[in-house]
Amino acid sequence: MWGLALIGGLLWLVTITEFSFLPSAFHRGVYERCAWLYESKWHKGAYDLCHKTNIRLLRLLEEHLTGKNSIVLDLACGTGRMSMLLLAQSWFRGKIEAVDFSGAMLAKLSAKLEEVNRPDVCLKIQEQDLADWQGEENAADLVFLMEVSEFLPDFAGLLQKISQSLKPEALLVCTKPNELLAPLFFGRKQSIVELKALAGSVGLEIVLRTSWQWRYELLVLKKVS
């Protein structure tokens, strides 16, 4: 009995919550050491659905951003998958601010940028914990927050800061754990009911909810007030 409980606890700590209930310094250390593995995960079969969802997502973003000199925030950007996705779109113009707490992850992004020729796009890299991040008010046209909300001790506080940084009608593209996994992230408001209520309290409305990957749903939220 105790053995099973120990195994279950370790699976929860390592596989499900990725050490995010431990102190931030430990959590950051894990990502620093695993940066070399991180990029390869996007090529695994579990992400086949994400590639299909990206087609739908890019249509929506093209409609929202075309013709603008856009400001995009890629928060907890990791090795920059979403930033690179935007850079690959000929219709995108503007500035991307890519923020992550792992210098090793950002180094991977910097290396990829050396192969990109987009003089019409400015990409700024910023190493910072999201707990300390504060965006400029009413400035951003789009914010990405991908595969990270459940790992943040103060997700509610960050969502409020994101809402403040968005222009009216601007979009937040984020993920949440599926409804089976959401209850395992105690106190982090990851169920769809909790998240809808939290979003509404900071002036955001869910306009798209779809599958992303076996453990995630993709959400698009619009700033309505």
C-alpha atoms as a PDB file:
ATOM      1  CA  MET A   1       0.000   0.000   0.000  1.00  0.00           C
ATOM      2  CA  TRP A   2       2.701   2.483   1.038  1.00  0.00           C
ATOM      3  CA  GLY A   3       4.779   1.428  -1.943  1.00  0.00           C
ATOM      4  CA  LEU A   4       1.957   2.193  -4.353  1.00  0.00           C
ATOM      5  CA  ALA A   5       1.347   5.530  -2.666  1.00  0.00           C
ATOM      6  CA  LEU A   6       5.045   6.389  -3.019  1.00  0.00           C
ATOM      7  CA  ILE A   7       5.069   5.448  -6.699  1.00  0.00           C
ATOM      8  CA  GLY A   8       1.898   7.483  -7.297  1.00  0.00           C
ATOM      9  CA  GLY A   9       3.393  10.466  -5.494  1.00  0.00           C
ATOM     10  CA  LEU A  10       6.573  10.313  -7.549  1.00  0.00           C
ATOM     11  CA  LEU A  11       4.598  10.073 -10.799  1.00  0.00           C
ATOM     12  CA  TRP A  12       2.574  13.118  -9.754  1.00  0.00           C
ATOM     13  CA  LEU A  13       5.687  15.097  -8.764  1.00  0.00           C
ATOM     14  CA  VAL A  14       7.859  14.213 -11.769  1.00  0.00           C
ATOM     15  CA  THR A  15       5.653  13.261 -14.710  1.00  0.00           C
ATOM     16  CA  ILE A  16       2.476  15.266 -14.107  1.00  0.00           C
ATOM     17  CA  THR A  17       3.564  18.441 -12.305  1.00  0.00           C
ATOM     18  CA  GLU A  18       7.206  18.465 -13.486  1.00  0.00           C
ATOM     19  CA  PHE A  19       8.503  19.488 -10.035  1.00  0.00           C
ATOM     20  CA  SER A  20       6.471  22.722 -10.160  1.00  0.00           C
ATOM     21  CA  PHE A  21       5.243  22.312  -6.570  1.00  0.00           C
ATOM     22  CA  LEU A  22       8.859  22.439  -5.393  1.00  0.00           C
ATOM     23  CA  PRO A  23      10.761  25.737  -4.891  1.00  0.00           C
ATOM     24  CA  SER A  24      11.210  27.832  -8.038  1.00  0.00           C
ATOM     25  CA  ALA A  25      15.009  27.505  -8.021  1.00  0.00           C
ATOM     26  CA  PHE A  26      14.751  23.707  -8.196  1.00  0.00           C
ATOM     27  CA  HIS A  27      12.125  23.884 -10.946  1.00  0.00           C
ATOM     28  CA  ARG A  28      14.314  26.241 -12.965  1.00  0.00           C
ATOM     29  CA  GLY A  29      17.320  23.977 -12.486  1.00  0.00           C
ATOM     30  CA  VAL A  30      15.425  21.059 -14.022  1.00  0.00           C
ATOM     31  CA  TYR A  31      14.647  23.087 -17.151  1.00  0.00           C
ATOM     32  CA  GLU A  32      18.213  24.368 -17.375  1.00  0.00           C
ATOM     33  CA  ARG A  33      19.521  20.799 -17.414  1.00  0.00           C
ATOM     34  CA  CYS A  34      16.857  19.478 -19.805  1.00  0.00           C
ATOM     35  CA  ALA A  35      16.985  22.231 -22.434  1.00  0.00           C
ATOM     36  CA  TRP A  36      18.881  19.975 -24.831  1.00  0.00           C
ATOM     37  CA  LEU A  37      15.969  17.485 -24.713  1.00  0.00           C
ATOM     38  CA  TYR A  38      13.149  20.008 -24.891  1.00  0.00           C
ATOM     39  CA  GLU A  39      13.209  20.815 -28.600  1.00  0.00           C
ATOM     40  CA  SER A  40      12.935  17.165 -29.631  1.00  0.00           C
ATOM     41  CA  LYS A  41       9.564  16.737 -27.893  1.00  0.00           C
ATOM     42  CA  TRP A  42       7.795  18.726 -30.625  1.00  0.00           C
ATOM     43  CA  HIS A  43       8.669  16.008 -33.123  1.00  0.00           C
ATOM     44  CA  LYS A  44       7.084  13.175 -31.158  1.00  0.00           C
ATOM     45  CA  GLY A  45       3.838  11.513 -32.244  1.00  0.00           C
ATOM     46  CA  ALA A  46       1.983  13.015 -29.280  1.00  0.00           C
ATOM     47  CA  TYR A  47       2.251  16.398 -31.021  1.00  0.00           C
ATOM     48  CA  ASP A  48       0.746  15.332 -34.351  1.00  0.00           C
ATOM     49  CA  LEU A  49      -2.580  16.901 -33.337  1.00  0.00           C
ATOM     50  CA  CYS A  50      -0.819  20.170 -32.451  1.00  0.00           C
ATOM     51  CA  HIS A  51       0.481  20.493 -36.000  1.00  0.00           C
ATOM     52  CA  LYS A  52      -3.092  20.156 -37.319  1.00  0.00           C
ATOM     53  CA  THR A  53      -4.409  22.605 -34.727  1.00  0.00           C
ATOM     54  CA  ASN A  54      -1.712  25.102 -35.755  1.00  0.00           C
ATOM     55  CA  ILE A  55      -3.292  25.357 -39.210  1.00  0.00           C
ATOM     56  CA  ARG A  56      -6.588  26.468 -37.656  1.00  0.00           C
ATOM     57  CA  LEU A  57      -4.805  28.723 -35.178  1.00  0.00           C
ATOM     58  CA  LEU A  58      -2.711  30.421 -37.853  1.00  0.00           C
ATOM     59  CA  ARG A  59      -5.813  31.228 -39.900  1.00  0.00           C
ATOM     60  CA  LEU A  60      -7.279  32.972 -36.863  1.00  0.00           C
ATOM     61  CA  LEU A  61      -4.035  34.834 -36.107  1.00  0.00           C
ATOM     62  CA  GLU A  62      -3.590  35.893 -39.734  1.00  0.00           C
ATOM     63  CA  GLU A  63      -7.047  37.421 -39.682  1.00  0.00           C
ATOM     64  CA  HIS A  64      -6.290  39.166 -36.384  1.00  0.00           C
ATOM     65  CA  LEU A  65      -2.761  40.425 -37.134  1.00  0.00           C
ATOM     66  CA  THR A  66      -2.502  41.028 -40.890  1.00  0.00           C
ATOM     67  CA  GLY A  67      -1.939  44.683 -41.701  1.00  0.00           C
ATOM     68  CA  LYS A  68      -0.740  45.524 -38.202  1.00  0.00           C
ATOM     69  CA  ASN A  69       2.707  46.321 -36.893  1.00  0.00           C
ATOM     70  CA  SER A  70       1.984  43.823 -34.140  1.00  0.00           C
ATOM     71  CA  ILE A  71       3.414  43.460 -30.653  1.00  0.00           C
ATOM     72  CA  VAL A  72       3.492  39.835 -29.514  1.00  0.00           C
ATOM     73  CA  LEU A  73       4.504  38.464 -26.120  1.00  0.00           C
ATOM     74  CA  ASP A  74       5.703  34.851 -26.023  1.00  0.00           C
ATOM     75  CA  LEU A  75       5.685  34.135 -22.279  1.00  0.00           C
ATOM     76  CA  ALA A  76       7.464  31.042 -20.937  1.00  0.00           C
ATOM     77  CA  CYS A  77       8.666  30.681 -24.518  1.00  0.00           C
ATOM     78  CA  GLY A  78      11.077  27.805 -23.867  1.00  0.00           C
ATOM     79  CA  THR A  79      13.098  27.280 -27.055  1.00  0.00           C
ATOM     80  CA  GLY A  80      10.754  29.584 -28.947  1.00  0.00           C
ATOM     81  CA  ARG A  81       8.423  27.268 -30.797  1.00  0.00           C
ATOM     82  CA  MET A  82       5.548  29.769 -31.056  1.00  0.00           C
ATOM     83  CA  SER A  83       7.867  32.673 -31.879  1.00  0.00           C
ATOM     84  CA  MET A  84       9.430  30.659 -34.681  1.00  0.00           C
ATOM     85  CA  LEU A  85       5.971  29.678 -35.926  1.00  0.00           C
ATOM     86  CA  LEU A  86       5.068  33.361 -36.306  1.00  0.00           C
ATOM     87  CA  LEU A  87       8.404  34.223 -37.912  1.00  0.00           C
ATOM     88  CA  ALA A  88       7.672  31.628 -40.594  1.00  0.00           C
ATOM     89  CA  GLN A  89       4.489  33.488 -41.656  1.00  0.00           C
ATOM     90  CA  SER A  90       5.029  36.032 -44.434  1.00  0.00           C
ATOM     91  CA  TRP A  91       1.985  38.027 -43.289  1.00  0.00           C
ATOM     92  CA  PHE A  92       3.437  38.720 -39.835  1.00  0.00           C
ATOM     93  CA  ARG A  93       5.088  42.074 -39.149  1.00  0.00           C
ATOM     94  CA  GLY A  94       6.113  43.665 -35.882  1.00  0.00           C
ATOM     95  CA  LYS A  95       7.871  42.828 -32.652  1.00  0.00           C
ATOM     96  CA  ILE A  96       8.058  39.677 -30.555  1.00  0.00           C
ATOM     97  CA  GLU A  97       9.188  39.677 -26.936  1.00  0.00           C
ATOM     98  CA  ALA A  98      10.187  36.146 -25.915  1.00  0.00           C
ATOM     99  CA  VAL A  99      10.395  35.668 -22.141  1.00  0.00           C
ATOM    100  CA  ASP A 100      11.583  32.621 -20.197  1.00  0.00           C
ATOM    101  CA  PHE A 101      13.266  31.933 -16.860  1.00  0.00           C
ATOM    102  CA  SER A 102      15.756  29.459 -18.377  1.00  0.00           C
ATOM    103  CA  GLY A 103      18.887  30.861 -19.957  1.00  0.00           C
ATOM    104  CA  ALA A 104      19.623  27.462 -21.489  1.00  0.00           C
ATOM    105  CA  MET A 105      16.241  27.427 -23.238  1.00  0.00           C
ATOM    106  CA  LEU A 106      16.762  30.957 -24.549  1.00  0.00           C
ATOM    107  CA  ALA A 107      20.205  30.006 -25.842  1.00  0.00           C
ATOM    108  CA  LYS A 108      18.505  27.384 -28.032  1.00  0.00           C
ATOM    109  CA  LEU A 109      16.175  30.073 -29.366  1.00  0.00           C
ATOM    110  CA  SER A 110      19.092  32.426 -30.060  1.00  0.00           C
ATOM    111  CA  ALA A 111      20.828  29.703 -32.054  1.00  0.00           C
ATOM    112  CA  LYS A 112      17.719  29.170 -34.199  1.00  0.00           C
ATOM    113  CA  LEU A 113      17.366  32.891 -34.857  1.00  0.00           C
ATOM    114  CA  GLU A 114      20.780  32.944 -36.534  1.00  0.00           C
ATOM    115  CA  GLU A 115      19.193  31.042 -39.426  1.00  0.00           C
ATOM    116  CA  VAL A 116      16.200  33.392 -39.769  1.00  0.00           C
ATOM    117  CA  ASN A 117      16.133  36.270 -42.249  1.00  0.00           C
ATOM    118  CA  ARG A 118      13.266  38.537 -41.170  1.00  0.00           C
ATOM    119  CA  PRO A 119      14.534  42.150 -41.098  1.00  0.00           C
ATOM    120  CA  ASP A 120      10.911  43.306 -40.835  1.00  0.00           C
ATOM    121  CA  VAL A 121      10.490  41.575 -37.451  1.00  0.00           C
ATOM    122  CA  CYS A 122      12.238  42.481 -34.200  1.00  0.00           C
ATOM    123  CA  LEU A 123      12.583  39.628 -31.698  1.00  0.00           C
ATOM    124  CA  LYS A 124      13.755  40.536 -28.230  1.00  0.00           C
ATOM    125  CA  ILE A 125      14.808  37.808 -25.791  1.00  0.00           C
ATOM    126  CA  GLN A 126      14.325  38.390 -22.075  1.00  0.00           C
ATOM    127  CA  GLU A 127      15.415  36.050 -19.261  1.00  0.00           C
ATOM    128  CA  GLN A 128      12.940  36.560 -16.428  1.00  0.00           C
ATOM    129  CA  ASP A 129      10.700  34.603 -14.093  1.00  0.00           C
ATOM    130  CA  LEU A 130       7.040  35.283 -14.877  1.00  0.00           C
ATOM    131  CA  ALA A 131       6.479  35.972 -11.183  1.00  0.00           C
ATOM    132  CA  ASP A 132       8.562  39.145 -11.711  1.00  0.00           C
ATOM    133  CA  TRP A 133       7.366  40.008 -15.204  1.00  0.00           C
ATOM    134  CA  GLN A 134       5.248  43.105 -15.800  1.00  0.00           C
ATOM    135  CA  GLY A 135       4.159  44.081 -19.313  1.00  0.00           C
ATOM    136  CA  GLU A 136       3.356  47.513 -20.650  1.00  0.00           C
ATOM    137  CA  GLU A 137      -0.352  48.257 -20.274  1.00  0.00           C
ATOM    138  CA  ASN A 138      -2.618  48.111 -23.365  1.00  0.00           C
ATOM    139  CA  ALA A 139       0.342  47.384 -25.656  1.00  0.00           C
ATOM    140  CA  ALA A 140       0.148  43.777 -26.893  1.00  0.00           C
ATOM    141  CA  ASP A 141      -1.879  42.476 -29.837  1.00  0.00           C
ATOM    142  CA  LEU A 142      -1.218  38.830 -28.967  1.00  0.00           C
ATOM    143  CA  VAL A 143       0.159  36.842 -26.027  1.00  0.00           C
ATOM    144  CA  PHE A 144       1.251  33.204 -26.070  1.00  0.00           C
ATOM    145  CA  LEU A 145       1.278  31.188 -22.827  1.00  0.00           C
ATOM    146  CA  MET A 146       1.804  27.606 -23.925  1.00  0.00           C
ATOM    147  CA  GLU A 147       2.025  24.465 -21.774  1.00  0.00           C
ATOM    148  CA  VAL A 148       2.876  26.343 -18.611  1.00  0.00           C
ATOM    149  CA  SER A 149      -0.224  27.710 -16.838  1.00  0.00           C
ATOM    150  CA  GLU A 150      -0.568  24.643 -14.611  1.00  0.00           C
ATOM    151  CA  PHE A 151       3.044  24.961 -13.430  1.00  0.00           C
ATOM    152  CA  LEU A 152       2.655  28.530 -12.154  1.00  0.00           C
ATOM    153  CA  PRO A 153       2.032  28.986  -8.405  1.00  0.00           C
ATOM    154  CA  ASP A 154       0.237  32.288  -9.083  1.00  0.00           C
ATOM    155  CA  PHE A 155      -1.453  31.702 -12.419  1.00  0.00           C
ATOM    156  CA  ALA A 156      -4.338  33.967 -11.382  1.00  0.00           C
ATOM    157  CA  GLY A 157      -1.958  36.855 -10.751  1.00  0.00           C
ATOM    158  CA  LEU A 158      -0.213  36.344 -14.077  1.00  0.00           C
ATOM    159  CA  LEU A 159      -3.516  36.226 -15.978  1.00  0.00           C
ATOM    160  CA  GLN A 160      -4.423  39.605 -14.525  1.00  0.00           C
ATOM    161  CA  LYS A 161      -1.066  41.053 -15.653  1.00  0.00           C
ATOM    162  CA  ILE A 162      -1.546  39.579 -19.125  1.00  0.00           C
ATOM    163  CA  SER A 163      -5.012  41.119 -19.398  1.00  0.00           C
ATOM    164  CA  GLN A 164      -3.585  44.499 -18.430  1.00  0.00           C
ATOM    165  CA  SER A 165      -0.912  44.189 -21.124  1.00  0.00           C
ATOM    166  CA  LEU A 166      -3.395  43.383 -23.908  1.00  0.00           C
ATOM    167  CA  LYS A 167      -5.049  45.984 -26.107  1.00  0.00           C
ATOM    168  CA  PRO A 168      -8.875  45.867 -26.306  1.00  0.00           C
ATOM    169  CA  GLU A 169      -9.935  42.953 -28.578  1.00  0.00           C
ATOM    170  CA  ALA A 170      -6.391  41.498 -28.436  1.00  0.00           C
ATOM    171  CA  LEU A 171      -5.860  37.753 -28.008  1.00  0.00           C
ATOM    172  CA  LEU A 172      -4.310  35.381 -25.499  1.00  0.00           C
ATOM    173  CA  VAL A 173      -3.435  31.936 -26.860  1.00  0.00           C
ATOM    174  CA  CYS A 174      -2.788  29.467 -24.060  1.00  0.00           C
ATOM    175  CA  THR A 175      -3.109  25.855 -23.035  1.00  0.00           C
ATOM    176  CA  LYS A 176      -4.593  24.120 -20.013  1.00  0.00           C
ATOM    177  CA  PRO A 177      -4.457  20.500 -18.841  1.00  0.00           C
ATOM    178  CA  ASN A 178      -7.381  18.382 -19.990  1.00  0.00           C
ATOM    179  CA  GLU A 179     -10.250  17.957 -17.559  1.00  0.00           C
ATOM    180  CA  LEU A 180      -8.899  14.614 -16.283  1.00  0.00           C
ATOM    181  CA  LEU A 181      -5.539  16.114 -15.300  1.00  0.00           C
ATOM    182  CA  ALA A 182      -6.676  19.587 -14.211  1.00  0.00           C
ATOM    183  CA  PRO A 183      -7.686  18.513 -10.652  1.00  0.00           C
ATOM    184  CA  LEU A 184      -4.120  17.275 -10.028  1.00  0.00           C
ATOM    185  CA  PHE A 185      -2.835  20.862 -10.067  1.00  0.00           C
ATOM    186  CA  PHE A 186      -4.249  21.820  -6.702  1.00  0.00           C
ATOM    187  CA  GLY A 187      -5.192  25.471  -6.258  1.00  0.00           C
ATOM    188  CA  ARG A 188      -4.100  26.559  -9.745  1.00  0.00           C
ATOM    189  CA  LYS A 189      -7.566  27.023 -11.304  1.00  0.00           C
ATOM    190  CA  GLN A 190      -7.044  24.718 -14.271  1.00  0.00           C
ATOM    191  CA  SER A 191     -10.546  23.272 -14.706  1.00  0.00           C
ATOM    192  CA  ILE A 192     -12.556  24.918 -17.467  1.00  0.00           C
ATOM    193  CA  VAL A 193     -15.149  26.156 -14.958  1.00  0.00           C
ATOM    194  CA  GLU A 194     -12.488  27.783 -12.765  1.00  0.00           C
ATOM    195  CA  LEU A 195     -10.624  29.197 -15.738  1.00  0.00           C
ATOM    196  CA  LYS A 196     -13.735  30.723 -17.319  1.00  0.00           C
ATOM    197  CA  ALA A 197     -14.579  32.428 -14.034  1.00  0.00           C
ATOM    198  CA  LEU A 198     -11.008  33.640 -13.554  1.00  0.00           C
ATOM    199  CA  ALA A 199     -10.784  34.924 -17.130  1.00  0.00           C
ATOM    200  CA  GLY A 200     -14.085  36.766 -16.796  1.00  0.00           C
ATOM    201  CA  SER A 201     -12.903  38.455 -13.619  1.00  0.00           C
ATOM    202  CA  VAL A 202      -9.974  40.055 -15.489  1.00  0.00           C
ATOM    203  CA  GLY A 203     -11.869  41.012 -18.655  1.00  0.00           C
ATOM    204  CA  LEU A 204     -11.092  37.994 -20.845  1.00  0.00           C
ATOM    205  CA  GLU A 205     -13.523  35.769 -22.743  1.00  0.00           C
ATOM    206  CA  ILE A 206     -12.843  32.312 -24.213  1.00  0.00           C
ATOM    207  CA  VAL A 207     -13.566  32.406 -27.962  1.00  0.00           C
ATOM    208  CA  LEU A 208     -12.018  29.073 -28.965  1.00  0.00           C
ATOM    209  CA  ARG A 209     -11.486  25.802 -27.104  1.00  0.00           C
ATOM    210  CA  THR A 210     -10.044  22.780 -28.898  1.00  0.00           C
ATOM    211  CA  SER A 211      -7.713  19.808 -28.460  1.00  0.00           C
ATOM    212  CA  TRP A 212      -3.973  20.444 -28.536  1.00  0.00           C
ATOM    213  CA  GLN A 213      -2.130  17.361 -27.321  1.00  0.00           C
ATOM    214  CA  TRP A 214      -3.120  14.294 -25.292  1.00  0.00           C
ATOM    215  CA  ARG A 215      -2.736  16.145 -21.995  1.00  0.00           C
ATOM    216  CA  TYR A 216      -3.679  19.651 -23.151  1.00  0.00           C
ATOM    217  CA  GLU A 217      -6.490  21.769 -24.526  1.00  0.00           C
ATOM    218  CA  LEU A 218      -5.836  24.936 -26.521  1.00  0.00           C
ATOM    219  CA  LEU A 219      -7.727  28.111 -25.590  1.00  0.00           C
ATOM    220  CA  VAL A 220      -7.973  31.447 -27.349  1.00  0.00           C
ATOM    221  CA  LEU A 221      -9.211  34.301 -25.162  1.00  0.00           C
ATOM    222  CA  LYS A 222     -10.126  37.838 -26.202  1.00  0.00           C
ATOM    223  CA  LYS A 223      -9.890  40.958 -24.077  1.00  0.00           C
ATOM    224  CA  VAL A 224     -13.404  42.314 -23.889  1.00  0.00           C
ATOM    225  CA  SER A 225     -13.015  45.082 -21.316  1.00  0.00           C
END
